[in-house]
Amino acid sequence: MLLKSSAGIAYYISSAAANKKALDIKILNVTDLSPIADYFVICSGNSSVQVRAIADEIEEKMSEKGYTLSHREGYNGAGWILLDYGNVIAHVFHKDEREFYNIERLWADAIAVNV
């Protein structure tokens, strides 16, 4: 059963991340700012094991809904895992990497939603 909107997909991904106790989950609406996606889901974990577990949970839950992952980056290093679902991209960071890259600052003009 496919979700009907990019916003719905973003919230579903954030819920999957929360299942694995992801920290500081945010959804950024980048519809008017980015040609590559409508939403970014950003979250972090305390360890590389947790970061991978969050990414695995997102992939599993999205697969259950009938979504195929377009692209995945960073899984082996687990400092920053990117999961591309077309209009929604999940960024799963190790907390230190998230602090370093500060992706929220890069997309400061986006409408942010704390989850």
PDB file of N, CA and C in Angstrom:
ATOM      1  N   MET A   1       0.846  -1.185   0.000  1.00  0.00           N
ATOM      2  CA  MET A   1       0.000   0.000   0.000  1.00  0.00           C
ATOM      3  C   MET A   1       0.886   1.242   0.000  1.00  0.00           C
ATOM      4  N   LEU A   2       0.893   1.963  -1.097  1.00  0.00           N
ATOM      5  CA  LEU A   2       1.717   3.156  -1.205  1.00  0.00           C
ATOM      6  C   LEU A   2       1.096   4.314  -0.429  1.00  0.00           C
ATOM      7  N   LEU A   3       1.949   5.096   0.182  1.00  0.00           N
ATOM      8  CA  LEU A   3       1.502   6.303   0.865  1.00  0.00           C
ATOM      9  C   LEU A   3       1.188   7.348  -0.195  1.00  0.00           C
ATOM     10  N   LYS A   4       0.267   8.253   0.094  1.00  0.00           N
ATOM     11  CA  LYS A   4      -0.278   9.118  -0.944  1.00  0.00           C
ATOM     12  C   LYS A   4       0.495  10.397  -1.208  1.00  0.00           C
ATOM     13  N   SER A   5       1.325  10.851  -0.299  1.00  0.00           N
ATOM     14  CA  SER A   5       2.011  12.126  -0.506  1.00  0.00           C
ATOM     15  C   SER A   5       3.449  12.054  -0.005  1.00  0.00           C
ATOM     16  N   SER A   6       4.257  12.978  -0.498  1.00  0.00           N
ATOM     17  CA  SER A   6       5.638  13.060  -0.016  1.00  0.00           C
ATOM     18  C   SER A   6       5.667  13.345   1.480  1.00  0.00           C
ATOM     19  N   ALA A   7       4.752  14.202   1.941  1.00  0.00           N
ATOM     20  CA  ALA A   7       4.692  14.510   3.376  1.00  0.00           C
ATOM     21  C   ALA A   7       4.369  13.248   4.170  1.00  0.00           C
ATOM     22  N   GLY A   8       3.435  12.448   3.687  1.00  0.00           N
ATOM     23  CA  GLY A   8       3.092  11.200   4.359  1.00  0.00           C
ATOM     24  C   GLY A   8       4.261  10.236   4.414  1.00  0.00           C
ATOM     25  N   ILE A   9       5.018  10.172   3.330  1.00  0.00           N
ATOM     26  CA  ILE A   9       6.210   9.321   3.300  1.00  0.00           C
ATOM     27  C   ILE A   9       7.225   9.814   4.320  1.00  0.00           C
ATOM     28  N   ALA A  10       7.427  11.128   4.373  1.00  0.00           N
ATOM     29  CA  ALA A  10       8.390  11.701   5.321  1.00  0.00           C
ATOM     30  C   ALA A  10       8.000  11.371   6.761  1.00  0.00           C
ATOM     31  N   TYR A  11       6.712  11.504   7.089  1.00  0.00           N
ATOM     32  CA  TYR A  11       6.274  11.177   8.448  1.00  0.00           C
ATOM     33  C   TYR A  11       6.414   9.684   8.732  1.00  0.00           C
ATOM     34  N   TYR A  12       6.154   8.851   7.742  1.00  0.00           N
ATOM     35  CA  TYR A  12       6.302   7.410   7.922  1.00  0.00           C
ATOM     36  C   TYR A  12       7.761   7.046   8.177  1.00  0.00           C
ATOM     37  N   ILE A  13       8.675   7.660   7.427  1.00  0.00           N
ATOM     38  CA  ILE A  13      10.104   7.433   7.635  1.00  0.00           C
ATOM     39  C   ILE A  13      10.516   7.894   9.025  1.00  0.00           C
ATOM     40  N   SER A  14      10.005   9.044   9.465  1.00  0.00           N
ATOM     41  CA  SER A  14      10.362   9.534  10.803  1.00  0.00           C
ATOM     42  C   SER A  14       9.845   8.593  11.883  1.00  0.00           C
ATOM     43  N   SER A  15       8.689   8.007  11.656  1.00  0.00           N
ATOM     44  CA  SER A  15       8.137   7.038  12.604  1.00  0.00           C
ATOM     45  C   SER A  15       9.007   5.782  12.663  1.00  0.00           C
ATOM     46  N   ALA A  16       9.472   5.325  11.507  1.00  0.00           N
ATOM     47  CA  ALA A  16      10.365   4.158  11.476  1.00  0.00           C
ATOM     48  C   ALA A  16      11.659   4.459  12.220  1.00  0.00           C
ATOM     49  N   ALA A  17      12.199   5.664  12.037  1.00  0.00           N
ATOM     50  CA  ALA A  17      13.423   6.058  12.746  1.00  0.00           C
ATOM     51  C   ALA A  17      13.186   6.086  14.253  1.00  0.00           C
ATOM     52  N   ALA A  18      12.026   6.576  14.653  1.00  0.00           N
ATOM     53  CA  ALA A  18      11.695   6.634  16.084  1.00  0.00           C
ATOM     54  C   ALA A  18      11.610   5.236  16.685  1.00  0.00           C
ATOM     55  N   ASN A  19      11.217   4.240  15.883  1.00  0.00           N
ATOM     56  CA  ASN A  19      11.167   2.855  16.371  1.00  0.00           C
ATOM     57  C   ASN A  19      12.513   2.393  16.911  1.00  0.00           C
ATOM     58  N   LYS A  20      13.589   2.944  16.370  1.00  0.00           N
ATOM     59  CA  LYS A  20      14.945   2.577  16.801  1.00  0.00           C
ATOM     60  C   LYS A  20      15.585   3.676  17.648  1.00  0.00           C
ATOM     61  N   LYS A  21      14.720   4.494  18.243  1.00  0.00           N
ATOM     62  CA  LYS A  21      15.149   5.531  19.191  1.00  0.00           C
ATOM     63  C   LYS A  21      16.094   6.563  18.575  1.00  0.00           C
ATOM     64  N   ALA A  22      15.831   6.927  17.318  1.00  0.00           N
ATOM     65  CA  ALA A  22      16.606   7.985  16.665  1.00  0.00           C
ATOM     66  C   ALA A  22      16.453   9.279  17.459  1.00  0.00           C
ATOM     67  N   LEU A  23      17.509  10.062  17.463  1.00  0.00           N
ATOM     68  CA  LEU A  23      17.541  11.318  18.200  1.00  0.00           C
ATOM     69  C   LEU A  23      17.210  12.492  17.284  1.00  0.00           C
ATOM     70  N   ASP A  24      16.570  13.518  17.853  1.00  0.00           N
ATOM     71  CA  ASP A  24      16.381  14.816  17.200  1.00  0.00           C
ATOM     72  C   ASP A  24      15.892  14.661  15.758  1.00  0.00           C
ATOM     73  N   ILE A  25      14.770  13.967  15.606  1.00  0.00           N
ATOM     74  CA  ILE A  25      14.212  13.733  14.274  1.00  0.00           C
ATOM     75  C   ILE A  25      13.575  15.020  13.770  1.00  0.00           C
ATOM     76  N   LYS A  26      13.949  15.399  12.549  1.00  0.00           N
ATOM     77  CA  LYS A  26      13.375  16.588  11.924  1.00  0.00           C
ATOM     78  C   LYS A  26      12.982  16.265  10.495  1.00  0.00           C
ATOM     79  N   ILE A  27      11.923  16.899  10.067  1.00  0.00           N
ATOM     80  CA  ILE A  27      11.509  16.841   8.672  1.00  0.00           C
ATOM     81  C   ILE A  27      11.680  18.239   8.103  1.00  0.00           C
ATOM     82  N   LEU A  28      12.400  18.345   6.987  1.00  0.00           N
ATOM     83  CA  LEU A  28      12.573  19.630   6.309  1.00  0.00           C
ATOM     84  C   LEU A  28      11.798  19.600   4.999  1.00  0.00           C
ATOM     85  N   ASN A  29      10.911  20.564   4.824  1.00  0.00           N
ATOM     86  CA  ASN A  29      10.203  20.721   3.563  1.00  0.00           C
ATOM     87  C   ASN A  29      11.091  21.563   2.649  1.00  0.00           C
ATOM     88  N   VAL A  30      11.676  20.931   1.656  1.00  0.00           N
ATOM     89  CA  VAL A  30      12.589  21.613   0.731  1.00  0.00           C
ATOM     90  C   VAL A  30      11.984  21.710  -0.676  1.00  0.00           C
ATOM     91  N   THR A  31      10.669  21.581  -0.751  1.00  0.00           N
ATOM     92  CA  THR A  31       9.974  21.567  -2.037  1.00  0.00           C
ATOM     93  C   THR A  31      10.355  22.758  -2.909  1.00  0.00           C
ATOM     94  N   ASP A  32      10.374  23.951  -2.328  1.00  0.00           N
ATOM     95  CA  ASP A  32      10.666  25.163  -3.096  1.00  0.00           C
ATOM     96  C   ASP A  32      12.157  25.465  -3.187  1.00  0.00           C
ATOM     97  N   LEU A  33      12.989  24.648  -2.568  1.00  0.00           N
ATOM     98  CA  LEU A  33      14.422  24.932  -2.489  1.00  0.00           C
ATOM     99  C   LEU A  33      15.295  23.932  -3.234  1.00  0.00           C
ATOM    100  N   SER A  34      14.773  22.755  -3.495  1.00  0.00           N
ATOM    101  CA  SER A  34      15.600  21.691  -4.061  1.00  0.00           C
ATOM    102  C   SER A  34      14.912  21.029  -5.249  1.00  0.00           C
ATOM    103  N   PRO A  35      15.641  20.828  -6.324  1.00  0.00           N
ATOM    104  CA  PRO A  35      15.058  20.105  -7.458  1.00  0.00           C
ATOM    105  C   PRO A  35      15.100  18.583  -7.278  1.00  0.00           C
ATOM    106  N   ILE A  36      15.803  18.104  -6.242  1.00  0.00           N
ATOM    107  CA  ILE A  36      15.990  16.655  -6.099  1.00  0.00           C
ATOM    108  C   ILE A  36      15.010  15.986  -5.148  1.00  0.00           C
ATOM    109  N   ALA A  37      14.373  16.762  -4.269  1.00  0.00           N
ATOM    110  CA  ALA A  37      13.470  16.147  -3.288  1.00  0.00           C
ATOM    111  C   ALA A  37      12.482  17.181  -2.773  1.00  0.00           C
ATOM    112  N   ASP A  38      11.386  16.677  -2.218  1.00  0.00           N
ATOM    113  CA  ASP A  38      10.410  17.541  -1.559  1.00  0.00           C
ATOM    114  C   ASP A  38      10.676  17.635  -0.062  1.00  0.00           C
ATOM    115  N   TYR A  39      11.148  16.531   0.522  1.00  0.00           N
ATOM    116  CA  TYR A  39      11.381  16.483   1.965  1.00  0.00           C
ATOM    117  C   TYR A  39      12.690  15.779   2.275  1.00  0.00           C
ATOM    118  N   PHE A  40      13.337  16.253   3.317  1.00  0.00           N
ATOM    119  CA  PHE A  40      14.458  15.554   3.937  1.00  0.00           C
ATOM    120  C   PHE A  40      13.999  15.127   5.319  1.00  0.00           C
ATOM    121  N   VAL A  41      14.295  13.914   5.696  1.00  0.00           N
ATOM    122  CA  VAL A  41      14.108  13.464   7.076  1.00  0.00           C
ATOM    123  C   VAL A  41      15.510  13.323   7.645  1.00  0.00           C
ATOM    124  N   ILE A  42      15.761  14.030   8.743  1.00  0.00           N
ATOM    125  CA  ILE A  42      17.094  14.050   9.346  1.00  0.00           C
ATOM    126  C   ILE A  42      16.980  13.526  10.767  1.00  0.00           C
ATOM    127  N   CYS A  43      17.876  12.615  11.124  1.00  0.00           N
ATOM    128  CA  CYS A  43      17.893  12.089  12.483  1.00  0.00           C
ATOM    129  C   CYS A  43      19.298  11.612  12.801  1.00  0.00           C
ATOM    130  N   SER A  44      19.509  11.234  14.046  1.00  0.00           N
ATOM    131  CA  SER A  44      20.845  10.771  14.422  1.00  0.00           C
ATOM    132  C   SER A  44      20.763   9.665  15.456  1.00  0.00           C
ATOM    133  N   GLY A  45      21.900   8.979  15.583  1.00  0.00           N
ATOM    134  CA  GLY A  45      22.056   7.922  16.573  1.00  0.00           C
ATOM    135  C   GLY A  45      23.342   8.127  17.344  1.00  0.00           C
ATOM    136  N   ASN A  46      23.459   7.445  18.467  1.00  0.00           N
ATOM    137  CA  ASN A  46      24.623   7.594  19.345  1.00  0.00           C
ATOM    138  C   ASN A  46      25.817   6.743  18.945  1.00  0.00           C
ATOM    139  N   SER A  47      25.603   5.744  18.098  1.00  0.00           N
ATOM    140  CA  SER A  47      26.694   4.843  17.709  1.00  0.00           C
ATOM    141  C   SER A  47      26.474   4.395  16.272  1.00  0.00           C
ATOM    142  N   SER A  48      27.519   3.852  15.662  1.00  0.00           N
ATOM    143  CA  SER A  48      27.374   3.360  14.292  1.00  0.00           C
ATOM    144  C   SER A  48      26.396   2.184  14.242  1.00  0.00           C
ATOM    145  N   VAL A  49      26.352   1.395  15.294  1.00  0.00           N
ATOM    146  CA  VAL A  49      25.392   0.279  15.354  1.00  0.00           C
ATOM    147  C   VAL A  49      23.964   0.822  15.331  1.00  0.00           C
ATOM    148  N   GLN A  50      23.696   1.858  16.121  1.00  0.00           N
ATOM    149  CA  GLN A  50      22.360   2.444  16.142  1.00  0.00           C
ATOM    150  C   GLN A  50      22.035   3.118  14.806  1.00  0.00           C
ATOM    151  N   VAL A  51      22.997   3.807  14.215  1.00  0.00           N
ATOM    152  CA  VAL A  51      22.770   4.466  12.927  1.00  0.00           C
ATOM    153  C   VAL A  51      22.363   3.429  11.876  1.00  0.00           C
ATOM    154  N   ARG A  52      23.066   2.317  11.825  1.00  0.00           N
ATOM    155  CA  ARG A  52      22.709   1.250  10.875  1.00  0.00           C
ATOM    156  C   ARG A  52      21.331   0.662  11.196  1.00  0.00           C
ATOM    157  N   ALA A  53      21.046   0.484  12.488  1.00  0.00           N
ATOM    158  CA  ALA A  53      19.745  -0.068  12.886  1.00  0.00           C
ATOM    159  C   ALA A  53      18.608   0.858  12.454  1.00  0.00           C
ATOM    160  N   ILE A  54      18.811   2.160  12.583  1.00  0.00           N
ATOM    161  CA  ILE A  54      17.800   3.130  12.144  1.00  0.00           C
ATOM    162  C   ILE A  54      17.598   3.012  10.632  1.00  0.00           C
ATOM    163  N   ALA A  55      18.695   2.995   9.887  1.00  0.00           N
ATOM    164  CA  ALA A  55      18.610   2.877   8.425  1.00  0.00           C
ATOM    165  C   ALA A  55      17.931   1.565   8.021  1.00  0.00           C
ATOM    166  N   ASP A  56      18.288   0.479   8.678  1.00  0.00           N
ATOM    167  CA  ASP A  56      17.676  -0.821   8.378  1.00  0.00           C
ATOM    168  C   ASP A  56      16.173  -0.791   8.632  1.00  0.00           C
ATOM    169  N   GLU A  57      15.766  -0.163   9.726  1.00  0.00           N
ATOM    170  CA  GLU A  57      14.340  -0.077  10.064  1.00  0.00           C
ATOM    171  C   GLU A  57      13.587   0.738   9.019  1.00  0.00           C
ATOM    172  N   ILE A  58      14.168   1.845   8.597  1.00  0.00           N
ATOM    173  CA  ILE A  58      13.533   2.661   7.561  1.00  0.00           C
ATOM    174  C   ILE A  58      13.373   1.835   6.287  1.00  0.00           C
ATOM    175  N   GLU A  59      14.433   1.156   5.873  1.00  0.00           N
ATOM    176  CA  GLU A  59      14.370   0.339   4.656  1.00  0.00           C
ATOM    177  C   GLU A  59      13.308  -0.753   4.775  1.00  0.00           C
ATOM    178  N   GLU A  60      13.264  -1.423   5.920  1.00  0.00           N
ATOM    179  CA  GLU A  60      12.295  -2.506   6.119  1.00  0.00           C
ATOM    180  C   GLU A  60      10.866  -1.984   6.065  1.00  0.00           C
ATOM    181  N   LYS A  61      10.595  -0.910   6.791  1.00  0.00           N
ATOM    182  CA  LYS A  61       9.233  -0.370   6.839  1.00  0.00           C
ATOM    183  C   LYS A  61       8.801   0.171   5.476  1.00  0.00           C
ATOM    184  N   MET A  62       9.714   0.825   4.762  1.00  0.00           N
ATOM    185  CA  MET A  62       9.377   1.340   3.432  1.00  0.00           C
ATOM    186  C   MET A  62       9.127   0.188   2.453  1.00  0.00           C
ATOM    187  N   SER A  63       9.911  -0.866   2.561  1.00  0.00           N
ATOM    188  CA  SER A  63       9.717  -2.039   1.714  1.00  0.00           C
ATOM    189  C   SER A  63       8.348  -2.667   1.970  1.00  0.00           C
ATOM    190  N   GLU A  64       7.953  -2.727   3.242  1.00  0.00           N
ATOM    191  CA  GLU A  64       6.636  -3.270   3.596  1.00  0.00           C
ATOM    192  C   GLU A  64       5.506  -2.469   2.956  1.00  0.00           C
ATOM    193  N   LYS A  65       5.732  -1.178   2.732  1.00  0.00           N
ATOM    194  CA  LYS A  65       4.727  -0.312   2.103  1.00  0.00           C
ATOM    195  C   LYS A  65       4.833  -0.314   0.580  1.00  0.00           C
ATOM    196  N   GLY A  66       5.796  -1.074   0.049  1.00  0.00           N
ATOM    197  CA  GLY A  66       5.912  -1.191  -1.393  1.00  0.00           C
ATOM    198  C   GLY A  66       6.883  -0.232  -2.047  1.00  0.00           C
ATOM    199  N   TYR A  67       7.695   0.448  -1.253  1.00  0.00           N
ATOM    200  CA  TYR A  67       8.671   1.391  -1.803  1.00  0.00           C
ATOM    201  C   TYR A  67      10.030   0.731  -1.979  1.00  0.00           C
ATOM    202  N   THR A  68      10.639   0.998  -3.114  1.00  0.00           N
ATOM    203  CA  THR A  68      11.975   0.502  -3.406  1.00  0.00           C
ATOM    204  C   THR A  68      12.969   1.623  -3.180  1.00  0.00           C
ATOM    205  N   LEU A  69      14.035   1.323  -2.496  1.00  0.00           N
ATOM    206  CA  LEU A  69      15.098   2.289  -2.253  1.00  0.00           C
ATOM    207  C   LEU A  69      15.797   2.588  -3.574  1.00  0.00           C
ATOM    208  N   SER A  70      15.849   3.870  -3.941  1.00  0.00           N
ATOM    209  CA  SER A  70      16.519   4.266  -5.188  1.00  0.00           C
ATOM    210  C   SER A  70      18.029   4.218  -5.050  1.00  0.00           C
ATOM    211  N   HIS A  71      18.512   4.662  -3.889  1.00  0.00           N
ATOM    212  CA  HIS A  71      19.960   4.743  -3.700  1.00  0.00           C
ATOM    213  C   HIS A  71      20.277   4.811  -2.210  1.00  0.00           C
ATOM    214  N   ARG A  72      21.386   4.194  -1.847  1.00  0.00           N
ATOM    215  CA  ARG A  72      21.860   4.243  -0.456  1.00  0.00           C
ATOM    216  C   ARG A  72      23.343   4.569  -0.473  1.00  0.00           C
ATOM    217  N   GLU A  73      23.751   5.478   0.395  1.00  0.00           N
ATOM    218  CA  GLU A  73      25.162   5.865   0.531  1.00  0.00           C
ATOM    219  C   GLU A  73      25.563   5.805   1.992  1.00  0.00           C
ATOM    220  N   GLY A  74      26.803   5.458   2.259  1.00  0.00           N
ATOM    221  CA  GLY A  74      27.383   5.596   3.588  1.00  0.00           C
ATOM    222  C   GLY A  74      27.106   4.495   4.582  1.00  0.00           C
ATOM    223  N   TYR A  75      26.490   3.402   4.148  1.00  0.00           N
ATOM    224  CA  TYR A  75      26.099   2.366   5.106  1.00  0.00           C
ATOM    225  C   TYR A  75      27.301   1.750   5.813  1.00  0.00           C
ATOM    226  N   ASN A  76      28.350   1.462   5.091  1.00  0.00           N
ATOM    227  CA  ASN A  76      29.510   0.800   5.706  1.00  0.00           C
ATOM    228  C   ASN A  76      30.183   1.661   6.761  1.00  0.00           C
ATOM    229  N   GLY A  77      30.344   2.942   6.485  1.00  0.00           N
ATOM    230  CA  GLY A  77      30.986   3.839   7.452  1.00  0.00           C
ATOM    231  C   GLY A  77      30.073   4.226   8.594  1.00  0.00           C
ATOM    232  N   ALA A  78      28.775   4.296   8.317  1.00  0.00           N
ATOM    233  CA  ALA A  78      27.727   4.583   9.303  1.00  0.00           C
ATOM    234  C   ALA A  78      27.910   5.905  10.034  1.00  0.00           C
ATOM    235  N   GLY A  79      28.606   6.853   9.421  1.00  0.00           N
ATOM    236  CA  GLY A  79      28.668   8.198   9.989  1.00  0.00           C
ATOM    237  C   GLY A  79      27.522   9.043   9.472  1.00  0.00           C
ATOM    238  N   TRP A  80      27.171   8.815   8.207  1.00  0.00           N
ATOM    239  CA  TRP A  80      26.067   9.513   7.553  1.00  0.00           C
ATOM    240  C   TRP A  80      25.523   8.578   6.487  1.00  0.00           C
ATOM    241  N   ILE A  81      24.357   8.034   6.743  1.00  0.00           N
ATOM    242  CA  ILE A  81      23.711   7.149   5.775  1.00  0.00           C
ATOM    243  C   ILE A  81      22.597   7.930   5.088  1.00  0.00           C
ATOM    244  N   LEU A  82      22.636   7.921   3.769  1.00  0.00           N
ATOM    245  CA  LEU A  82      21.617   8.585   2.971  1.00  0.00           C
ATOM    246  C   LEU A  82      20.759   7.513   2.315  1.00  0.00           C
ATOM    247  N   LEU A  83      19.452   7.642   2.465  1.00  0.00           N
ATOM    248  CA  LEU A  83      18.492   6.722   1.854  1.00  0.00           C
ATOM    249  C   LEU A  83      17.587   7.535   0.937  1.00  0.00           C
ATOM    250  N   ASP A  84      17.657   7.268  -0.352  1.00  0.00           N
ATOM    251  CA  ASP A  84      16.939   8.060  -1.350  1.00  0.00           C
ATOM    252  C   ASP A  84      15.675   7.330  -1.784  1.00  0.00           C
ATOM    253  N   TYR A  85      14.533   7.930  -1.451  1.00  0.00           N
ATOM    254  CA  TYR A  85      13.239   7.405  -1.871  1.00  0.00           C
ATOM    255  C   TYR A  85      12.564   8.353  -2.864  1.00  0.00           C
ATOM    256  N   GLY A  86      13.356   8.966  -3.721  1.00  0.00           N
ATOM    257  CA  GLY A  86      12.801   9.865  -4.729  1.00  0.00           C
ATOM    258  C   GLY A  86      12.495  11.228  -4.151  1.00  0.00           C
ATOM    259  N   ASN A  87      11.229  11.504  -3.907  1.00  0.00           N
ATOM    260  CA  ASN A  87      10.829  12.811  -3.386  1.00  0.00           C
ATOM    261  C   ASN A  87      11.164  13.007  -1.915  1.00  0.00           C
ATOM    262  N   VAL A  88      11.560  11.940  -1.238  1.00  0.00           N
ATOM    263  CA  VAL A  88      11.936  12.023   0.180  1.00  0.00           C
ATOM    264  C   VAL A  88      13.299  11.357   0.358  1.00  0.00           C
ATOM    265  N   ILE A  89      14.202  12.080   1.000  1.00  0.00           N
ATOM    266  CA  ILE A  89      15.539  11.557   1.272  1.00  0.00           C
ATOM    267  C   ILE A  89      15.753  11.549   2.778  1.00  0.00           C
ATOM    268  N   ALA A  90      16.133  10.397   3.304  1.00  0.00           N
ATOM    269  CA  ALA A  90      16.434  10.272   4.733  1.00  0.00           C
ATOM    270  C   ALA A  90      17.938  10.397   4.935  1.00  0.00           C
ATOM    271  N   HIS A  91      18.312  11.223   5.903  1.00  0.00           N
ATOM    272  CA  HIS A  91      19.710  11.399   6.299  1.00  0.00           C
ATOM    273  C   HIS A  91      19.829  10.885   7.730  1.00  0.00           C
ATOM    274  N   VAL A  92      20.522   9.784   7.917  1.00  0.00           N
ATOM    275  CA  VAL A  92      20.699   9.194   9.242  1.00  0.00           C
ATOM    276  C   VAL A  92      22.160   9.398   9.634  1.00  0.00           C
ATOM    277  N   PHE A  93      22.373  10.232  10.631  1.00  0.00           N
ATOM    278  CA  PHE A  93      23.714  10.626  11.043  1.00  0.00           C
ATOM    279  C   PHE A  93      24.124   9.987  12.362  1.00  0.00           C
ATOM    280  N   HIS A  94      25.416   9.763  12.530  1.00  0.00           N
ATOM    281  CA  HIS A  94      25.980   9.613  13.871  1.00  0.00           C
ATOM    282  C   HIS A  94      25.930  11.015  14.460  1.00  0.00           C
ATOM    283  N   LYS A  95      25.638  11.142  15.748  1.00  0.00           N
ATOM    284  CA  LYS A  95      25.439  12.474  16.335  1.00  0.00           C
ATOM    285  C   LYS A  95      26.628  13.403  16.103  1.00  0.00           C
ATOM    286  N   ASP A  96      27.854  12.878  16.125  1.00  0.00           N
ATOM    287  CA  ASP A  96      29.034  13.722  15.899  1.00  0.00           C
ATOM    288  C   ASP A  96      29.099  14.218  14.455  1.00  0.00           C
ATOM    289  N   GLU A  97      28.758  13.362  13.512  1.00  0.00           N
ATOM    290  CA  GLU A  97      28.746  13.757  12.097  1.00  0.00           C
ATOM    291  C   GLU A  97      27.661  14.798  11.843  1.00  0.00           C
ATOM    292  N   ARG A  98      26.532  14.624  12.491  1.00  0.00           N
ATOM    293  CA  ARG A  98      25.446  15.592  12.305  1.00  0.00           C
ATOM    294  C   ARG A  98      25.863  16.966  12.798  1.00  0.00           C
ATOM    295  N   GLU A  99      26.516  16.991  13.943  1.00  0.00           N
ATOM    296  CA  GLU A  99      27.019  18.253  14.478  1.00  0.00           C
ATOM    297  C   GLU A  99      28.019  18.885  13.509  1.00  0.00           C
ATOM    298  N   PHE A 100      28.915  18.074  12.971  1.00  0.00           N
ATOM    299  CA  PHE A 100      29.956  18.566  12.076  1.00  0.00           C
ATOM    300  C   PHE A 100      29.367  19.131  10.777  1.00  0.00           C
ATOM    301  N   TYR A 101      28.484  18.372  10.124  1.00  0.00           N
ATOM    302  CA  TYR A 101      27.945  18.795   8.834  1.00  0.00           C
ATOM    303  C   TYR A 101      26.829  19.828   8.958  1.00  0.00           C
ATOM    304  N   ASN A 102      26.108  19.805  10.069  1.00  0.00           N
ATOM    305  CA  ASN A 102      25.062  20.792  10.362  1.00  0.00           C
ATOM    306  C   ASN A 102      24.165  21.039   9.142  1.00  0.00           C
ATOM    307  N   ILE A 103      23.595  19.963   8.640  1.00  0.00           N
ATOM    308  CA  ILE A 103      22.781  20.037   7.429  1.00  0.00           C
ATOM    309  C   ILE A 103      21.577  20.966   7.600  1.00  0.00           C
ATOM    310  N   GLU A 104      21.072  21.094   8.808  1.00  0.00           N
ATOM    311  CA  GLU A 104      19.945  22.001   9.040  1.00  0.00           C
ATOM    312  C   GLU A 104      20.336  23.447   8.740  1.00  0.00           C
ATOM    313  N   ARG A 105      21.579  23.797   9.014  1.00  0.00           N
ATOM    314  CA  ARG A 105      22.048  25.154   8.708  1.00  0.00           C
ATOM    315  C   ARG A 105      22.123  25.358   7.200  1.00  0.00           C
ATOM    316  N   LEU A 106      22.579  24.338   6.479  1.00  0.00           N
ATOM    317  CA  LEU A 106      22.666  24.436   5.023  1.00  0.00           C
ATOM    318  C   LEU A 106      21.296  24.641   4.380  1.00  0.00           C
ATOM    319  N   TRP A 107      20.276  24.091   5.003  1.00  0.00           N
ATOM    320  CA  TRP A 107      18.913  24.202   4.494  1.00  0.00           C
ATOM    321  C   TRP A 107      18.063  25.058   5.431  1.00  0.00           C
ATOM    322  N   ALA A 108      18.643  26.135   5.940  1.00  0.00           N
ATOM    323  CA  ALA A 108      17.976  26.988   6.934  1.00  0.00           C
ATOM    324  C   ALA A 108      16.691  27.619   6.407  1.00  0.00           C
ATOM    325  N   ASP A 109      16.566  27.780   5.103  1.00  0.00           N
ATOM    326  CA  ASP A 109      15.357  28.376   4.533  1.00  0.00           C
ATOM    327  C   ASP A 109      14.209  27.378   4.407  1.00  0.00           C
ATOM    328  N   ALA A 110      14.477  26.126   4.675  1.00  0.00           N
ATOM    329  CA  ALA A 110      13.431  25.101   4.608  1.00  0.00           C
ATOM    330  C   ALA A 110      12.497  25.227   5.804  1.00  0.00           C
ATOM    331  N   ILE A 111      11.281  24.778   5.613  1.00  0.00           N
ATOM    332  CA  ILE A 111      10.321  24.731   6.714  1.00  0.00           C
ATOM    333  C   ILE A 111      10.615  23.465   7.505  1.00  0.00           C
ATOM    334  N   ALA A 112      10.986  23.642   8.772  1.00  0.00           N
ATOM    335  CA  ALA A 112      11.384  22.510   9.620  1.00  0.00           C
ATOM    336  C   ALA A 112      10.244  22.103  10.535  1.00  0.00           C
ATOM    337  N   VAL A 113      10.121  20.795  10.720  1.00  0.00           N
ATOM    338  CA  VAL A 113       9.126  20.242  11.626  1.00  0.00           C
ATOM    339  C   VAL A 113       9.851  19.318  12.588  1.00  0.00           C
ATOM    340  N   ASN A 114       9.765  19.595  13.884  1.00  0.00           N
ATOM    341  CA  ASN A 114      10.298  18.658  14.874  1.00  0.00           C
ATOM    342  C   ASN A 114       9.300  17.525  15.025  1.00  0.00           C
ATOM    343  N   VAL A 115       9.809  16.319  15.109  1.00  0.00           N
ATOM    344  CA  VAL A 115       8.921  15.151  15.202  1.00  0.00           C
ATOM    345  C   VAL A 115       8.997  14.580  16.595  1.00  0.00           C
TER     346      VAL A 115
END
